[in-house]
Amino acid sequence: MTHTPGPWKVLGGTVIIAGPSDKMIASTPEENAKLSFYETRANANLIAAAPDMLKGLRRAEQTIRNLASGFLEGDAKQIAENEAANLRDDIDKAEPEK
């Protein structure tokens, strides 16, 4: 199973997160007693950025792995490998079945 491809965007006053062709991904209630409109909108912006952030995590993980395997040695290599593993853990949260 894969997520709806990006880009995603925030639409309208009801804070709808939409994908390609404005296909609705998620929405938030117009009135949320616990969150202000601005906080709800900020959360929606974060959700809408998820596909782009996931792409960035994938690129960063691959770049760090390439550096670790080709250019780094000793402690620097170990640190890079650890960070790449941390990025992979984060990616797996979004893609648990891949």
PDB file of N, CA and C in Angstrom:
ATOM      1  N   MET A   1       0.843  -1.172   0.000  1.00  0.00           N
ATOM      2  CA  MET A   1       0.000   0.000   0.000  1.00  0.00           C
ATOM      3  C   MET A   1       0.892   1.240   0.000  1.00  0.00           C
ATOM      4  N   THR A   2       0.538   2.211  -0.825  1.00  0.00           N
ATOM      5  CA  THR A   2       1.294   3.462  -0.871  1.00  0.00           C
ATOM      6  C   THR A   2       0.347   4.634  -0.624  1.00  0.00           C
ATOM      7  N   HIS A   3       0.929   5.742  -0.239  1.00  0.00           N
ATOM      8  CA  HIS A   3       0.122   6.938   0.013  1.00  0.00           C
ATOM      9  C   HIS A   3      -0.210   7.630  -1.302  1.00  0.00           C
ATOM     10  N   THR A   4      -1.168   8.533  -1.257  1.00  0.00           N
ATOM     11  CA  THR A   4      -1.507   9.351  -2.410  1.00  0.00           C
ATOM     12  C   THR A   4      -0.291  10.201  -2.751  1.00  0.00           C
ATOM     13  N   PRO A   5       0.126  10.185  -4.007  1.00  0.00           N
ATOM     14  CA  PRO A   5       1.318  10.961  -4.359  1.00  0.00           C
ATOM     15  C   PRO A   5       1.083  12.460  -4.184  1.00  0.00           C
ATOM     16  N   GLY A   6       2.158  13.172  -3.925  1.00  0.00           N
ATOM     17  CA  GLY A   6       2.092  14.618  -3.803  1.00  0.00           C
ATOM     18  C   GLY A   6       2.079  15.258  -5.167  1.00  0.00           C
ATOM     19  N   PRO A   7       2.068  16.545  -5.254  1.00  0.00           N
ATOM     20  CA  PRO A   7       2.082  17.430  -4.091  1.00  0.00           C
ATOM     21  C   PRO A   7       0.716  17.497  -3.421  1.00  0.00           C
ATOM     22  N   TRP A   8       0.743  17.743  -2.119  1.00  0.00           N
ATOM     23  CA  TRP A   8      -0.470  17.977  -1.355  1.00  0.00           C
ATOM     24  C   TRP A   8      -0.528  19.464  -1.043  1.00  0.00           C
ATOM     25  N   LYS A   9      -1.708  19.978  -0.814  1.00  0.00           N
ATOM     26  CA  LYS A   9      -1.865  21.396  -0.488  1.00  0.00           C
ATOM     27  C   LYS A   9      -3.032  21.571   0.465  1.00  0.00           C
ATOM     28  N   VAL A  10      -3.081  22.718   1.101  1.00  0.00           N
ATOM     29  CA  VAL A  10      -4.161  23.062   2.027  1.00  0.00           C
ATOM     30  C   VAL A  10      -5.144  23.942   1.274  1.00  0.00           C
ATOM     31  N   LEU A  11      -6.418  23.588   1.385  1.00  0.00           N
ATOM     32  CA  LEU A  11      -7.473  24.335   0.694  1.00  0.00           C
ATOM     33  C   LEU A  11      -8.507  24.855   1.680  1.00  0.00           C
ATOM     34  N   GLY A  12      -8.982  26.052   1.476  1.00  0.00           N
ATOM     35  CA  GLY A  12     -10.172  26.564   2.109  1.00  0.00           C
ATOM     36  C   GLY A  12     -10.180  26.753   3.609  1.00  0.00           C
ATOM     37  N   GLY A  13     -11.297  27.300   4.066  1.00  0.00           N
ATOM     38  CA  GLY A  13     -11.476  27.605   5.475  1.00  0.00           C
ATOM     39  C   GLY A  13     -11.693  26.380   6.341  1.00  0.00           C
ATOM     40  N   THR A  14     -12.121  25.266   5.739  1.00  0.00           N
ATOM     41  CA  THR A  14     -12.317  24.063   6.539  1.00  0.00           C
ATOM     42  C   THR A  14     -11.016  23.276   6.665  1.00  0.00           C
ATOM     43  N   VAL A  15      -9.958  23.769   6.094  1.00  0.00           N
ATOM     44  CA  VAL A  15      -8.627  23.182   6.152  1.00  0.00           C
ATOM     45  C   VAL A  15      -8.670  21.744   5.620  1.00  0.00           C
ATOM     46  N   ILE A  16      -8.759  21.663   4.314  1.00  0.00           N
ATOM     47  CA  ILE A  16      -8.739  20.382   3.605  1.00  0.00           C
ATOM     48  C   ILE A  16      -7.347  20.186   3.030  1.00  0.00           C
ATOM     49  N   ILE A  17      -6.791  18.995   3.228  1.00  0.00           N
ATOM     50  CA  ILE A  17      -5.508  18.658   2.627  1.00  0.00           C
ATOM     51  C   ILE A  17      -5.830  17.874   1.367  1.00  0.00           C
ATOM     52  N   ALA A  18      -5.372  18.375   0.232  1.00  0.00           N
ATOM     53  CA  ALA A  18      -5.724  17.780  -1.051  1.00  0.00           C
ATOM     54  C   ALA A  18      -4.485  17.357  -1.810  1.00  0.00           C
ATOM     55  N   GLY A  19      -4.642  16.311  -2.598  1.00  0.00           N
ATOM     56  CA  GLY A  19      -3.570  15.812  -3.446  1.00  0.00           C
ATOM     57  C   GLY A  19      -3.791  16.242  -4.882  1.00  0.00           C
ATOM     58  N   PRO A  20      -3.180  15.508  -5.821  1.00  0.00           N
ATOM     59  CA  PRO A  20      -3.352  15.830  -7.233  1.00  0.00           C
ATOM     60  C   PRO A  20      -4.839  15.895  -7.608  1.00  0.00           C
ATOM     61  N   SER A  21      -5.171  16.778  -8.518  1.00  0.00           N
ATOM     62  CA  SER A  21      -6.546  16.997  -8.964  1.00  0.00           C
ATOM     63  C   SER A  21      -7.469  17.350  -7.794  1.00  0.00           C
ATOM     64  N   ASP A  22      -6.907  17.927  -6.756  1.00  0.00           N
ATOM     65  CA  ASP A  22      -7.659  18.347  -5.564  1.00  0.00           C
ATOM     66  C   ASP A  22      -8.403  17.196  -4.897  1.00  0.00           C
ATOM     67  N   LYS A  23      -7.886  15.983  -5.013  1.00  0.00           N
ATOM     68  CA  LYS A  23      -8.462  14.818  -4.340  1.00  0.00           C
ATOM     69  C   LYS A  23      -8.234  14.969  -2.838  1.00  0.00           C
ATOM     70  N   MET A  24      -9.306  14.902  -2.047  1.00  0.00           N
ATOM     71  CA  MET A  24      -9.180  15.122  -0.606  1.00  0.00           C
ATOM     72  C   MET A  24      -8.393  13.994   0.059  1.00  0.00           C
ATOM     73  N   ILE A  25      -7.379  14.382   0.840  1.00  0.00           N
ATOM     74  CA  ILE A  25      -6.553  13.454   1.604  1.00  0.00           C
ATOM     75  C   ILE A  25      -7.063  13.407   3.042  1.00  0.00           C
ATOM     76  N   ALA A  26      -7.327  14.580   3.602  1.00  0.00           N
ATOM     77  CA  ALA A  26      -7.774  14.685   4.989  1.00  0.00           C
ATOM     78  C   ALA A  26      -8.417  16.054   5.173  1.00  0.00           C
ATOM     79  N   SER A  27      -9.152  16.190   6.258  1.00  0.00           N
ATOM     80  CA  SER A  27      -9.713  17.502   6.577  1.00  0.00           C
ATOM     81  C   SER A  27      -9.756  17.654   8.086  1.00  0.00           C
ATOM     82  N   THR A  28      -9.888  18.882   8.504  1.00  0.00           N
ATOM     83  CA  THR A  28     -10.027  19.170   9.924  1.00  0.00           C
ATOM     84  C   THR A  28     -11.373  19.851  10.123  1.00  0.00           C
ATOM     85  N   PRO A  29     -11.963  19.713  11.296  1.00  0.00           N
ATOM     86  CA  PRO A  29     -13.256  20.369  11.526  1.00  0.00           C
ATOM     87  C   PRO A  29     -13.102  21.884  11.485  1.00  0.00           C
ATOM     88  N   GLU A  30     -14.162  22.547  11.059  1.00  0.00           N
ATOM     89  CA  GLU A  30     -14.110  24.009  11.011  1.00  0.00           C
ATOM     90  C   GLU A  30     -13.905  24.596  12.387  1.00  0.00           C
ATOM     91  N   GLU A  31     -14.529  24.010  13.354  1.00  0.00           N
ATOM     92  CA  GLU A  31     -14.392  24.519  14.713  1.00  0.00           C
ATOM     93  C   GLU A  31     -13.851  23.407  15.591  1.00  0.00           C
ATOM     94  N   ASN A  32     -12.696  23.638  16.127  1.00  0.00           N
ATOM     95  CA  ASN A  32     -12.088  22.678  17.033  1.00  0.00           C
ATOM     96  C   ASN A  32     -11.851  23.412  18.342  1.00  0.00           C
ATOM     97  N   ALA A  33     -12.611  23.052  19.350  1.00  0.00           N
ATOM     98  CA  ALA A  33     -12.568  23.783  20.619  1.00  0.00           C
ATOM     99  C   ALA A  33     -11.200  23.754  21.278  1.00  0.00           C
ATOM    100  N   LYS A  34     -10.407  22.755  20.964  1.00  0.00           N
ATOM    101  CA  LYS A  34      -9.115  22.625  21.629  1.00  0.00           C
ATOM    102  C   LYS A  34      -7.986  23.333  20.893  1.00  0.00           C
ATOM    103  N   LEU A  35      -8.155  23.603  19.603  1.00  0.00           N
ATOM    104  CA  LEU A  35      -7.092  24.233  18.819  1.00  0.00           C
ATOM    105  C   LEU A  35      -7.606  25.516  18.176  1.00  0.00           C
ATOM    106  N   SER A  36      -6.745  26.509  18.096  1.00  0.00           N
ATOM    107  CA  SER A  36      -7.126  27.719  17.384  1.00  0.00           C
ATOM    108  C   SER A  36      -7.098  27.431  15.880  1.00  0.00           C
ATOM    109  N   PHE A  37      -7.735  28.300  15.113  1.00  0.00           N
ATOM    110  CA  PHE A  37      -7.699  28.161  13.654  1.00  0.00           C
ATOM    111  C   PHE A  37      -6.257  28.148  13.161  1.00  0.00           C
ATOM    112  N   TYR A  38      -5.429  29.008  13.747  1.00  0.00           N
ATOM    113  CA  TYR A  38      -4.043  29.120  13.286  1.00  0.00           C
ATOM    114  C   TYR A  38      -3.248  27.853  13.566  1.00  0.00           C
ATOM    115  N   GLU A  39      -3.490  27.239  14.726  1.00  0.00           N
ATOM    116  CA  GLU A  39      -2.804  25.984  15.037  1.00  0.00           C
ATOM    117  C   GLU A  39      -3.307  24.865  14.127  1.00  0.00           C
ATOM    118  N   THR A  40      -4.610  24.840  13.887  1.00  0.00           N
ATOM    119  CA  THR A  40      -5.177  23.839  12.975  1.00  0.00           C
ATOM    120  C   THR A  40      -4.580  24.005  11.580  1.00  0.00           C
ATOM    121  N   ARG A  41      -4.470  25.240  11.128  1.00  0.00           N
ATOM    122  CA  ARG A  41      -3.896  25.528   9.799  1.00  0.00           C
ATOM    123  C   ARG A  41      -2.421  25.119   9.754  1.00  0.00           C
ATOM    124  N   ALA A  42      -1.674  25.397  10.814  1.00  0.00           N
ATOM    125  CA  ALA A  42      -0.262  25.002  10.867  1.00  0.00           C
ATOM    126  C   ALA A  42      -0.127  23.476  10.816  1.00  0.00           C
ATOM    127  N   ASN A  43      -1.000  22.773  11.515  1.00  0.00           N
ATOM    128  CA  ASN A  43      -0.979  21.314  11.467  1.00  0.00           C
ATOM    129  C   ASN A  43      -1.285  20.819  10.053  1.00  0.00           C
ATOM    130  N   ALA A  44      -2.259  21.440   9.410  1.00  0.00           N
ATOM    131  CA  ALA A  44      -2.599  21.059   8.038  1.00  0.00           C
ATOM    132  C   ALA A  44      -1.431  21.312   7.090  1.00  0.00           C
ATOM    133  N   ASN A  45      -0.726  22.422   7.264  1.00  0.00           N
ATOM    134  CA  ASN A  45       0.444  22.705   6.426  1.00  0.00           C
ATOM    135  C   ASN A  45       1.528  21.644   6.609  1.00  0.00           C
ATOM    136  N   LEU A  46       1.713  21.210   7.840  1.00  0.00           N
ATOM    137  CA  LEU A  46       2.690  20.161   8.117  1.00  0.00           C
ATOM    138  C   LEU A  46       2.283  18.854   7.444  1.00  0.00           C
ATOM    139  N   ILE A  47       1.010  18.492   7.543  1.00  0.00           N
ATOM    140  CA  ILE A  47       0.522  17.281   6.893  1.00  0.00           C
ATOM    141  C   ILE A  47       0.694  17.390   5.371  1.00  0.00           C
ATOM    142  N   ALA A  48       0.354  18.537   4.817  1.00  0.00           N
ATOM    143  CA  ALA A  48       0.457  18.725   3.372  1.00  0.00           C
ATOM    144  C   ALA A  48       1.897  18.639   2.879  1.00  0.00           C
ATOM    145  N   ALA A  49       2.851  18.974   3.726  1.00  0.00           N
ATOM    146  CA  ALA A  49       4.269  18.912   3.344  1.00  0.00           C
ATOM    147  C   ALA A  49       4.841  17.496   3.438  1.00  0.00           C
ATOM    148  N   ALA A  50       4.081  16.562   4.002  1.00  0.00           N
ATOM    149  CA  ALA A  50       4.599  15.207   4.255  1.00  0.00           C
ATOM    150  C   ALA A  50       5.209  14.519   3.029  1.00  0.00           C
ATOM    151  N   PRO A  51       4.570  14.511   1.855  1.00  0.00           N
ATOM    152  CA  PRO A  51       5.196  13.831   0.714  1.00  0.00           C
ATOM    153  C   PRO A  51       6.561  14.412   0.338  1.00  0.00           C
ATOM    154  N   ASP A  52       6.675  15.742   0.382  1.00  0.00           N
ATOM    155  CA  ASP A  52       7.954  16.380   0.058  1.00  0.00           C
ATOM    156  C   ASP A  52       9.001  16.076   1.126  1.00  0.00           C
ATOM    157  N   MET A  53       8.579  16.065   2.390  1.00  0.00           N
ATOM    158  CA  MET A  53       9.530  15.745   3.467  1.00  0.00           C
ATOM    159  C   MET A  53       9.994  14.297   3.361  1.00  0.00           C
ATOM    160  N   LEU A  54       9.099  13.387   2.969  1.00  0.00           N
ATOM    161  CA  LEU A  54       9.480  11.990   2.807  1.00  0.00           C
ATOM    162  C   LEU A  54      10.508  11.844   1.685  1.00  0.00           C
ATOM    163  N   LYS A  55      10.292  12.548   0.588  1.00  0.00           N
ATOM    164  CA  LYS A  55      11.295  12.533  -0.497  1.00  0.00           C
ATOM    165  C   LYS A  55      12.638  13.047   0.004  1.00  0.00           C
ATOM    166  N   GLY A  56      12.615  14.116   0.793  1.00  0.00           N
ATOM    167  CA  GLY A  56      13.851  14.678   1.345  1.00  0.00           C
ATOM    168  C   GLY A  56      14.557  13.701   2.266  1.00  0.00           C
ATOM    169  N   LEU A  57      13.801  12.994   3.093  1.00  0.00           N
ATOM    170  CA  LEU A  57      14.402  11.978   3.968  1.00  0.00           C
ATOM    171  C   LEU A  57      15.073  10.880   3.153  1.00  0.00           C
ATOM    172  N   ARG A  58      14.399  10.436   2.092  1.00  0.00           N
ATOM    173  CA  ARG A  58      14.992   9.391   1.236  1.00  0.00           C
ATOM    174  C   ARG A  58      16.310   9.872   0.610  1.00  0.00           C
ATOM    175  N   ARG A  59      16.291  11.116   0.082  1.00  0.00           N
ATOM    176  CA  ARG A  59      17.514  11.659  -0.531  1.00  0.00           C
ATOM    177  C   ARG A  59      18.628  11.806   0.495  1.00  0.00           C
ATOM    178  N   ALA A  60      18.300  12.304   1.687  1.00  0.00           N
ATOM    179  CA  ALA A  60      19.305  12.494   2.730  1.00  0.00           C
ATOM    180  C   ALA A  60      19.885  11.154   3.165  1.00  0.00           C
ATOM    181  N   GLU A  61      19.022  10.157   3.332  1.00  0.00           N
ATOM    182  CA  GLU A  61      19.516   8.836   3.737  1.00  0.00           C
ATOM    183  C   GLU A  61      20.491   8.292   2.702  1.00  0.00           C
ATOM    184  N   GLN A  62      20.131   8.385   1.422  1.00  0.00           N
ATOM    185  CA  GLN A  62      20.998   7.849   0.371  1.00  0.00           C
ATOM    186  C   GLN A  62      22.310   8.625   0.284  1.00  0.00           C
ATOM    187  N   THR A  63      22.234   9.932   0.406  1.00  0.00           N
ATOM    188  CA  THR A  63      23.449  10.754   0.363  1.00  0.00           C
ATOM    189  C   THR A  63      24.386  10.393   1.507  1.00  0.00           C
ATOM    190  N   ILE A  64      23.848  10.260   2.697  1.00  0.00           N
ATOM    191  CA  ILE A  64      24.682   9.919   3.858  1.00  0.00           C
ATOM    192  C   ILE A  64      25.280   8.526   3.699  1.00  0.00           C
ATOM    193  N   ARG A  65      24.485   7.575   3.205  1.00  0.00           N
ATOM    194  CA  ARG A  65      25.023   6.218   2.980  1.00  0.00           C
ATOM    195  C   ARG A  65      26.140   6.237   1.945  1.00  0.00           C
ATOM    196  N   ASN A  66      25.958   7.012   0.872  1.00  0.00           N
ATOM    197  CA  ASN A  66      27.005   7.124  -0.154  1.00  0.00           C
ATOM    198  C   ASN A  66      28.290   7.727   0.416  1.00  0.00           C
ATOM    199  N   LEU A  67      28.133   8.767   1.217  1.00  0.00           N
ATOM    200  CA  LEU A  67      29.307   9.381   1.847  1.00  0.00           C
ATOM    201  C   LEU A  67      30.003   8.391   2.772  1.00  0.00           C
ATOM    202  N   ALA A  68      29.213   7.690   3.574  1.00  0.00           N
ATOM    203  CA  ALA A  68      29.793   6.743   4.533  1.00  0.00           C
ATOM    204  C   ALA A  68      30.534   5.617   3.826  1.00  0.00           C
ATOM    205  N   SER A  69      29.998   5.168   2.708  1.00  0.00           N
ATOM    206  CA  SER A  69      30.629   4.029   2.042  1.00  0.00           C
ATOM    207  C   SER A  69      31.799   4.435   1.152  1.00  0.00           C
ATOM    208  N   GLY A  70      31.879   5.702   0.763  1.00  0.00           N
ATOM    209  CA  GLY A  70      32.922   6.080  -0.173  1.00  0.00           C
ATOM    210  C   GLY A  70      33.954   7.069   0.306  1.00  0.00           C
ATOM    211  N   PHE A  71      33.616   7.885   1.286  1.00  0.00           N
ATOM    212  CA  PHE A  71      34.501   8.986   1.632  1.00  0.00           C
ATOM    213  C   PHE A  71      34.878   9.076   3.104  1.00  0.00           C
ATOM    214  N   LEU A  72      34.120   8.438   3.957  1.00  0.00           N
ATOM    215  CA  LEU A  72      34.342   8.606   5.389  1.00  0.00           C
ATOM    216  C   LEU A  72      35.011   7.383   6.002  1.00  0.00           C
ATOM    217  N   GLU A  73      35.724   7.637   7.081  1.00  0.00           N
ATOM    218  CA  GLU A  73      36.401   6.558   7.801  1.00  0.00           C
ATOM    219  C   GLU A  73      36.239   6.780   9.295  1.00  0.00           C
ATOM    220  N   GLY A  74      36.482   5.733  10.054  1.00  0.00           N
ATOM    221  CA  GLY A  74      36.526   5.826  11.510  1.00  0.00           C
ATOM    222  C   GLY A  74      35.241   6.322  12.127  1.00  0.00           C
ATOM    223  N   ASP A  75      35.386   7.234  13.099  1.00  0.00           N
ATOM    224  CA  ASP A  75      34.227   7.745  13.827  1.00  0.00           C
ATOM    225  C   ASP A  75      33.230   8.452  12.907  1.00  0.00           C
ATOM    226  N   ALA A  76      33.738   9.205  11.949  1.00  0.00           N
ATOM    227  CA  ALA A  76      32.849   9.929  11.036  1.00  0.00           C
ATOM    228  C   ALA A  76      31.983   8.951  10.248  1.00  0.00           C
ATOM    229  N   LYS A  77      32.567   7.845   9.822  1.00  0.00           N
ATOM    230  CA  LYS A  77      31.807   6.838   9.093  1.00  0.00           C
ATOM    231  C   LYS A  77      30.735   6.232   9.992  1.00  0.00           C
ATOM    232  N   GLN A  78      31.085   5.928  11.233  1.00  0.00           N
ATOM    233  CA  GLN A  78      30.128   5.335  12.167  1.00  0.00           C
ATOM    234  C   GLN A  78      28.979   6.290  12.461  1.00  0.00           C
ATOM    235  N   ILE A  79      29.307   7.559  12.661  1.00  0.00           N
ATOM    236  CA  ILE A  79      28.264   8.558  12.914  1.00  0.00           C
ATOM    237  C   ILE A  79      27.322   8.654  11.720  1.00  0.00           C
ATOM    238  N   ALA A  80      27.890   8.697  10.516  1.00  0.00           N
ATOM    239  CA  ALA A  80      27.071   8.776   9.306  1.00  0.00           C
ATOM    240  C   ALA A  80      26.177   7.552   9.162  1.00  0.00           C
ATOM    241  N   GLU A  81      26.715   6.374   9.408  1.00  0.00           N
ATOM    242  CA  GLU A  81      25.914   5.156   9.315  1.00  0.00           C
ATOM    243  C   GLU A  81      24.781   5.158  10.340  1.00  0.00           C
ATOM    244  N   ASN A  82      25.067   5.639  11.539  1.00  0.00           N
ATOM    245  CA  ASN A  82      24.022   5.741  12.567  1.00  0.00           C
ATOM    246  C   ASN A  82      22.920   6.718  12.158  1.00  0.00           C
ATOM    247  N   GLU A  83      23.325   7.849  11.608  1.00  0.00           N
ATOM    248  CA  GLU A  83      22.338   8.842  11.170  1.00  0.00           C
ATOM    249  C   GLU A  83      21.503   8.322  10.006  1.00  0.00           C
ATOM    250  N   ALA A  84      22.131   7.605   9.087  1.00  0.00           N
ATOM    251  CA  ALA A  84      21.383   7.005   7.977  1.00  0.00           C
ATOM    252  C   ALA A  84      20.369   5.993   8.516  1.00  0.00           C
ATOM    253  N   ALA A  85      20.749   5.237   9.520  1.00  0.00           N
ATOM    254  CA  ALA A  85      19.827   4.274  10.136  1.00  0.00           C
ATOM    255  C   ALA A  85      18.671   5.008  10.819  1.00  0.00           C
ATOM    256  N   ASN A  86      18.954   6.137  11.467  1.00  0.00           N
ATOM    257  CA  ASN A  86      17.892   6.939  12.084  1.00  0.00           C
ATOM    258  C   ASN A  86      16.920   7.462  11.032  1.00  0.00           C
ATOM    259  N   LEU A  87      17.460   7.923   9.900  1.00  0.00           N
ATOM    260  CA  LEU A  87      16.600   8.387   8.812  1.00  0.00           C
ATOM    261  C   LEU A  87      15.742   7.243   8.290  1.00  0.00           C
ATOM    262  N   ARG A  88      16.332   6.067   8.145  1.00  0.00           N
ATOM    263  CA  ARG A  88      15.589   4.896   7.672  1.00  0.00           C
ATOM    264  C   ARG A  88      14.447   4.575   8.634  1.00  0.00           C
ATOM    265  N   ASP A  89      14.689   4.666   9.939  1.00  0.00           N
ATOM    266  CA  ASP A  89      13.626   4.439  10.923  1.00  0.00           C
ATOM    267  C   ASP A  89      12.475   5.425  10.717  1.00  0.00           C
ATOM    268  N   ASP A  90      12.822   6.684  10.465  1.00  0.00           N
ATOM    269  CA  ASP A  90      11.788   7.694  10.233  1.00  0.00           C
ATOM    270  C   ASP A  90      11.016   7.407   8.946  1.00  0.00           C
ATOM    271  N   ILE A  91      11.712   7.012   7.898  1.00  0.00           N
ATOM    272  CA  ILE A  91      11.067   6.676   6.630  1.00  0.00           C
ATOM    273  C   ILE A  91      10.128   5.477   6.827  1.00  0.00           C
ATOM    274  N   ASP A  92      10.578   4.488   7.578  1.00  0.00           N
ATOM    275  CA  ASP A  92       9.762   3.291   7.813  1.00  0.00           C
ATOM    276  C   ASP A  92       8.480   3.602   8.576  1.00  0.00           C
ATOM    277  N   LYS A  93       8.458   4.680   9.353  1.00  0.00           N
ATOM    278  CA  LYS A  93       7.215   5.075  10.026  1.00  0.00           C
ATOM    279  C   LYS A  93       6.162   5.483   9.006  1.00  0.00           C
ATOM    280  N   ALA A  94       6.596   6.077   7.910  1.00  0.00           N
ATOM    281  CA  ALA A  94       5.678   6.500   6.858  1.00  0.00           C
ATOM    282  C   ALA A  94       5.395   5.379   5.868  1.00  0.00           C
ATOM    283  N   GLU A  95       6.313   4.436   5.769  1.00  0.00           N
ATOM    284  CA  GLU A  95       6.175   3.336   4.798  1.00  0.00           C
ATOM    285  C   GLU A  95       6.440   1.993   5.486  1.00  0.00           C
ATOM    286  N   PRO A  96       5.604   1.627   6.449  1.00  0.00           N
ATOM    287  CA  PRO A  96       5.895   0.426   7.236  1.00  0.00           C
ATOM    288  C   PRO A  96       5.871  -0.877   6.456  1.00  0.00           C
ATOM    289  N   GLU A  97       5.206  -0.897   5.312  1.00  0.00           N
ATOM    290  CA  GLU A  97       5.057  -2.142   4.564  1.00  0.00           C
ATOM    291  C   GLU A  97       6.015  -2.268   3.402  1.00  0.00           C
ATOM    292  N   LYS A  98       6.884  -1.295   3.193  1.00  0.00           N
ATOM    293  CA  LYS A  98       7.847  -1.370   2.081  1.00  0.00           C
ATOM    294  C   LYS A  98       9.032  -2.207   2.462  1.00  0.00           C
TER     295      LYS A  98
END
